[in-house]
């Protein structure tokens, strides 16, 4: 099995259950999604580039909170 040089991760907020265009994952499930991605890439020593995407809730702070959760999982996995 060859090792990837980098992982591109689209960490969208629109799958959240309260998003008007997505709507099937809870906040905890989204946190777990990010934890799995970041822990696996970190463990394998593969750099990950991720971007914040989607999220159509009001107020916008709800979307920002989901993105902050993604950031926190990345920081934990990469020991920052």
Protein backbone atom coordinates (compact mmCIF):
# COMPACT_ATOMS: atom_id res chain seq x y z
CA UNK A 1 0.00 0.00 0.00
CA UNK A 2 1.45 3.35 -0.96
CA UNK A 3 1.33 6.26 1.45
CA UNK A 4 -0.43 9.46 0.48
CA UNK A 5 1.62 12.63 0.39
CA UNK A 6 -1.25 14.73 1.69
CA UNK A 7 -4.96 14.47 2.52
CA UNK A 8 -7.39 17.17 1.39
CA UNK A 9 -10.33 17.25 3.81
CA UNK A 10 -13.52 19.17 3.11
CA UNK A 11 -14.82 19.74 6.64
CA UNK A 12 -18.29 20.98 5.81
CA UNK A 13 -20.74 22.22 8.42
CA UNK A 14 -23.80 21.71 6.26
CA UNK A 15 -24.34 18.06 7.29
CA UNK A 16 -25.43 19.35 10.72
CA UNK A 17 -28.94 18.37 11.69
CA UNK A 18 -30.02 22.02 12.06
CA UNK A 19 -28.68 23.12 8.68
CA UNK A 20 -31.37 23.99 6.18
CA UNK A 21 -29.43 22.40 3.28
CA UNK A 22 -27.94 19.37 5.01
CA UNK A 23 -29.32 18.03 8.16
CA UNK A 24 -28.38 14.57 9.38
CA UNK A 25 -25.43 14.68 11.83
CA UNK A 26 -25.55 15.88 15.42
CA UNK A 27 -22.85 18.16 16.79
CA UNK A 28 -21.29 15.16 18.54
CA UNK A 29 -21.33 13.08 15.36
CA UNK A 30 -19.59 15.89 13.47
CA UNK A 31 -16.99 16.16 16.22
CA UNK A 32 -16.41 12.42 15.99
CA UNK A 33 -16.11 12.67 12.19
CA UNK A 34 -13.34 15.25 12.59
CA UNK A 35 -11.65 13.30 15.38
CA UNK A 36 -11.47 10.18 13.18
CA UNK A 37 -10.04 12.05 10.19
CA UNK A 38 -7.45 14.02 12.13
CA UNK A 39 -6.39 11.15 14.40
CA UNK A 40 -5.90 8.80 11.45
CA UNK A 41 -3.92 11.26 9.35
CA UNK A 42 -1.81 12.24 12.34
CA UNK A 43 -1.12 8.62 13.29
CA UNK A 44 -0.05 7.84 9.71
CA UNK A 45 2.15 10.93 9.58
CA UNK A 46 0.23 12.36 6.64
CA UNK A 47 -0.21 16.13 6.47
CA UNK A 48 -3.79 17.24 6.11
CA UNK A 49 -5.10 20.37 4.48
CA UNK A 50 -8.63 21.15 5.47
CA UNK A 51 -11.04 23.90 4.75
CA UNK A 52 -14.17 25.14 6.38
CA UNK A 53 -17.16 24.86 4.14
CA UNK A 54 -20.88 25.13 4.17
CA UNK A 55 -23.01 25.86 7.15
CA UNK A 56 -26.25 27.72 6.71
CA UNK A 57 -27.64 28.25 10.19
CA UNK A 58 -28.75 31.42 11.88
CA UNK A 59 -27.25 33.01 13.80
CA UNK A 60 -23.91 32.46 12.06
CA UNK A 61 -22.29 31.78 15.45
CA UNK A 62 -23.80 28.27 15.30
CA UNK A 63 -21.78 27.60 12.13
CA UNK A 64 -18.67 29.15 13.63
CA UNK A 65 -19.01 26.89 16.67
CA UNK A 66 -19.04 23.81 14.41
CA UNK A 67 -15.92 25.03 12.63
CA UNK A 68 -14.24 25.73 15.97
CA UNK A 69 -15.00 22.12 16.96
CA UNK A 70 -13.16 20.98 13.80
CA UNK A 71 -10.21 23.19 14.67
CA UNK A 72 -10.06 21.83 18.20
CA UNK A 73 -10.03 18.22 16.97
CA UNK A 74 -7.21 19.04 14.56
CA UNK A 75 -5.19 20.71 17.30
CA UNK A 76 -5.66 17.73 19.62
CA UNK A 77 -4.71 15.15 17.00
CA UNK A 78 -1.58 17.03 15.94
CA UNK A 79 -0.61 17.89 19.53
CA UNK A 80 -0.81 21.67 19.28
